[in-house]
Amino acid sequence: MAKRVLKANEVLKDLRSGLTDAAMMEKYQLSSKGLQSLFDKMVAAGLLSAADVADRMSTWVDSVVVDLADLK
C-alpha cells in the first residue's frame, strides 16, 4: 500500500484548532494506528512534544466492557 503524504502545516493547524482524534482520523483517512504513526513522526520532527501527544491520549479508553445482557 502506498503511503499517504500529509502536509505538516495543515496537520498542525488542525491540531491547534482543537480537531479531535476521531475528526483527524476521518479527515486524513487514518486508522488509529495511522494516527499514532502521524503523532510519532510529528514528535520525531520536533513539531509536537511527547507531552502534547500524551495529553491527547489521556482521553482514550484503554479497555471496555461489553454488556451481552441485551442479546437474550
N, C-alpha and C. Protein backbone atom coordinates (compact mmCIF):
# COMPACT_ATOMS: atom_id res chain seq x y z
N MET A 1 0.84 -1.17 0.00
CA MET A 1 0.00 0.00 0.00
C MET A 1 0.89 1.24 0.00
N ALA A 2 0.54 2.20 -0.82
CA ALA A 2 1.30 3.45 -0.90
C ALA A 2 1.08 4.28 0.35
N LYS A 3 2.11 4.97 0.75
CA LYS A 3 1.99 5.83 1.93
C LYS A 3 1.40 7.17 1.51
N ARG A 4 0.56 7.69 2.37
CA ARG A 4 -0.06 9.00 2.13
C ARG A 4 0.89 10.08 2.60
N VAL A 5 0.99 11.16 1.86
CA VAL A 5 1.81 12.30 2.24
C VAL A 5 0.89 13.38 2.79
N LEU A 6 1.14 13.77 4.04
CA LEU A 6 0.34 14.81 4.68
C LEU A 6 1.18 16.06 4.85
N LYS A 7 0.56 17.20 4.70
CA LYS A 7 1.26 18.47 4.87
C LYS A 7 1.32 18.82 6.36
N ALA A 8 2.54 18.96 6.88
CA ALA A 8 2.75 19.21 8.31
C ALA A 8 2.03 20.46 8.77
N ASN A 9 2.05 21.52 7.96
CA ASN A 9 1.39 22.77 8.37
C ASN A 9 -0.11 22.58 8.54
N GLU A 10 -0.72 21.81 7.66
CA GLU A 10 -2.16 21.57 7.75
C GLU A 10 -2.48 20.73 8.99
N VAL A 11 -1.68 19.71 9.24
CA VAL A 11 -1.89 18.87 10.42
C VAL A 11 -1.76 19.70 11.69
N LEU A 12 -0.71 20.52 11.76
CA LEU A 12 -0.52 21.38 12.94
C LEU A 12 -1.68 22.34 13.12
N LYS A 13 -2.14 22.92 12.03
CA LYS A 13 -3.29 23.85 12.09
C LYS A 13 -4.51 23.14 12.65
N ASP A 14 -4.76 21.92 12.18
CA ASP A 14 -5.91 21.16 12.66
C ASP A 14 -5.78 20.81 14.14
N LEU A 15 -4.58 20.40 14.54
CA LEU A 15 -4.36 20.08 15.95
C LEU A 15 -4.55 21.30 16.83
N ARG A 16 -4.01 22.42 16.42
CA ARG A 16 -4.12 23.65 17.20
C ARG A 16 -5.54 24.19 17.26
N SER A 17 -6.33 23.87 16.23
CA SER A 17 -7.72 24.33 16.22
C SER A 17 -8.61 23.45 17.08
N GLY A 18 -8.05 22.36 17.61
CA GLY A 18 -8.81 21.51 18.52
C GLY A 18 -9.50 20.32 17.87
N LEU A 19 -9.12 19.97 16.64
CA LEU A 19 -9.71 18.81 16.00
C LEU A 19 -9.48 17.57 16.86
N THR A 20 -10.51 16.82 17.09
CA THR A 20 -10.40 15.60 17.90
C THR A 20 -9.67 14.52 17.12
N ASP A 21 -9.26 13.49 17.84
CA ASP A 21 -8.59 12.36 17.19
C ASP A 21 -9.52 11.74 16.15
N ALA A 22 -10.78 11.58 16.49
CA ALA A 22 -11.74 10.99 15.55
C ALA A 22 -11.87 11.84 14.29
N ALA A 23 -11.92 13.15 14.47
CA ALA A 23 -12.03 14.06 13.32
C ALA A 23 -10.75 14.01 12.48
N MET A 24 -9.60 13.91 13.15
CA MET A 24 -8.34 13.80 12.41
C MET A 24 -8.31 12.50 11.60
N MET A 25 -8.76 11.42 12.21
CA MET A 25 -8.78 10.13 11.52
C MET A 25 -9.70 10.17 10.31
N GLU A 26 -10.83 10.82 10.47
CA GLU A 26 -11.77 10.92 9.35
C GLU A 26 -11.22 11.81 8.25
N LYS A 27 -10.73 12.99 8.63
CA LYS A 27 -10.23 13.94 7.63
C LYS A 27 -9.08 13.37 6.81
N TYR A 28 -8.15 12.71 7.50
CA TYR A 28 -6.95 12.21 6.82
C TYR A 28 -7.05 10.73 6.46
N GLN A 29 -8.22 10.14 6.70
CA GLN A 29 -8.48 8.73 6.38
C GLN A 29 -7.42 7.83 7.02
N LEU A 30 -7.26 7.97 8.34
CA LEU A 30 -6.27 7.21 9.10
C LEU A 30 -6.96 6.24 10.04
N SER A 31 -6.32 5.11 10.25
CA SER A 31 -6.73 4.20 11.31
C SER A 31 -6.16 4.74 12.61
N SER A 32 -6.51 4.12 13.72
CA SER A 32 -5.92 4.56 14.99
C SER A 32 -4.40 4.35 14.96
N LYS A 33 -3.97 3.27 14.33
CA LYS A 33 -2.53 3.01 14.19
C LYS A 33 -1.87 4.09 13.31
N GLY A 34 -2.56 4.49 12.27
CA GLY A 34 -2.05 5.54 11.39
C GLY A 34 -1.95 6.88 12.10
N LEU A 35 -2.94 7.17 12.94
CA LEU A 35 -2.91 8.42 13.71
C LEU A 35 -1.73 8.42 14.67
N GLN A 36 -1.51 7.29 15.34
CA GLN A 36 -0.37 7.19 16.25
C GLN A 36 0.94 7.35 15.48
N SER A 37 1.02 6.78 14.29
CA SER A 37 2.20 6.93 13.45
C SER A 37 2.42 8.40 13.08
N LEU A 38 1.33 9.08 12.75
CA LEU A 38 1.42 10.51 12.45
C LEU A 38 1.97 11.29 13.64
N PHE A 39 1.41 11.03 14.82
CA PHE A 39 1.90 11.72 16.02
C PHE A 39 3.37 11.40 16.28
N ASP A 40 3.76 10.14 16.12
CA ASP A 40 5.16 9.75 16.33
C ASP A 40 6.09 10.51 15.38
N LYS A 41 5.68 10.63 14.14
CA LYS A 41 6.51 11.33 13.14
C LYS A 41 6.57 12.83 13.43
N MET A 42 5.46 13.40 13.90
CA MET A 42 5.45 14.82 14.23
C MET A 42 6.35 15.09 15.44
N VAL A 43 6.36 14.18 16.41
CA VAL A 43 7.24 14.32 17.57
C VAL A 43 8.70 14.17 17.13
N ALA A 44 8.99 13.18 16.30
CA ALA A 44 10.35 12.94 15.82
C ALA A 44 10.89 14.15 15.04
N ALA A 45 9.99 14.84 14.34
CA ALA A 45 10.39 16.02 13.56
C ALA A 45 10.48 17.28 14.43
N GLY A 46 10.10 17.16 15.70
CA GLY A 46 10.16 18.31 16.60
C GLY A 46 8.98 19.26 16.45
N LEU A 47 7.92 18.80 15.80
CA LEU A 47 6.75 19.65 15.58
C LEU A 47 5.74 19.54 16.70
N LEU A 48 5.77 18.44 17.42
CA LEU A 48 4.93 18.22 18.60
C LEU A 48 5.82 17.70 19.71
N SER A 49 5.42 17.94 20.93
CA SER A 49 6.16 17.35 22.04
C SER A 49 5.47 16.05 22.44
N ALA A 50 6.22 15.20 23.11
CA ALA A 50 5.63 13.96 23.62
C ALA A 50 4.49 14.28 24.58
N ALA A 51 4.62 15.38 25.32
CA ALA A 51 3.57 15.79 26.25
C ALA A 51 2.29 16.17 25.49
N ASP A 52 2.43 16.81 24.33
CA ASP A 52 1.25 17.15 23.52
C ASP A 52 0.47 15.89 23.16
N VAL A 53 1.20 14.87 22.75
CA VAL A 53 0.57 13.61 22.36
C VAL A 53 -0.02 12.91 23.57
N ALA A 54 0.71 12.91 24.67
CA ALA A 54 0.23 12.26 25.90
C ALA A 54 -1.06 12.93 26.38
N ASP A 55 -1.14 14.25 26.25
CA ASP A 55 -2.36 14.96 26.65
C ASP A 55 -3.55 14.51 25.82
N ARG A 56 -3.36 14.30 24.53
CA ARG A 56 -4.44 13.85 23.66
C ARG A 56 -4.84 12.43 24.02
N MET A 57 -3.86 11.58 24.31
CA MET A 57 -4.13 10.18 24.59
C MET A 57 -4.75 9.97 25.96
N SER A 58 -4.67 10.95 26.83
CA SER A 58 -5.24 10.78 28.17
C SER A 58 -6.76 10.62 28.13
N THR A 59 -7.38 10.99 27.02
CA THR A 59 -8.83 10.85 26.91
C THR A 59 -9.22 9.51 26.27
N TRP A 60 -8.25 8.73 25.82
CA TRP A 60 -8.54 7.44 25.22
C TRP A 60 -8.93 6.44 26.29
N VAL A 61 -9.78 5.53 25.95
CA VAL A 61 -10.19 4.46 26.85
C VAL A 61 -9.33 3.23 26.54
N ASP A 62 -8.71 2.67 27.58
CA ASP A 62 -7.83 1.52 27.40
C ASP A 62 -8.58 0.20 27.31
N SER A 63 -9.74 0.14 27.91
CA SER A 63 -10.46 -1.11 27.98
C SER A 63 -11.96 -0.83 28.01
N VAL A 64 -12.71 -1.77 27.51
CA VAL A 64 -14.16 -1.63 27.53
C VAL A 64 -14.78 -2.91 28.07
N VAL A 65 -16.01 -2.80 28.51
CA VAL A 65 -16.81 -3.96 28.91
C VAL A 65 -18.00 -4.01 27.96
N VAL A 66 -18.26 -5.18 27.43
CA VAL A 66 -19.38 -5.36 26.53
C VAL A 66 -20.52 -6.01 27.31
N ASP A 67 -21.65 -5.34 27.36
CA ASP A 67 -22.82 -5.85 28.06
C ASP A 67 -23.59 -6.75 27.10
N LEU A 68 -23.57 -8.04 27.36
CA LEU A 68 -24.23 -9.00 26.49
C LEU A 68 -25.66 -9.31 26.92
N ALA A 69 -26.11 -8.68 28.01
CA ALA A 69 -27.43 -8.96 28.54
C ALA A 69 -28.55 -8.65 27.54
N ASP A 70 -28.34 -7.64 26.71
CA ASP A 70 -29.41 -7.25 25.78
C ASP A 70 -29.53 -8.20 24.59
N LEU A 71 -28.67 -9.21 24.49
CA LEU A 71 -28.75 -10.16 23.38
C LEU A 71 -29.70 -11.30 23.68
N LYS A 72 -30.12 -11.42 24.91
CA LYS A 72 -31.01 -12.56 25.30
C LYS A 72 -32.46 -12.23 25.06
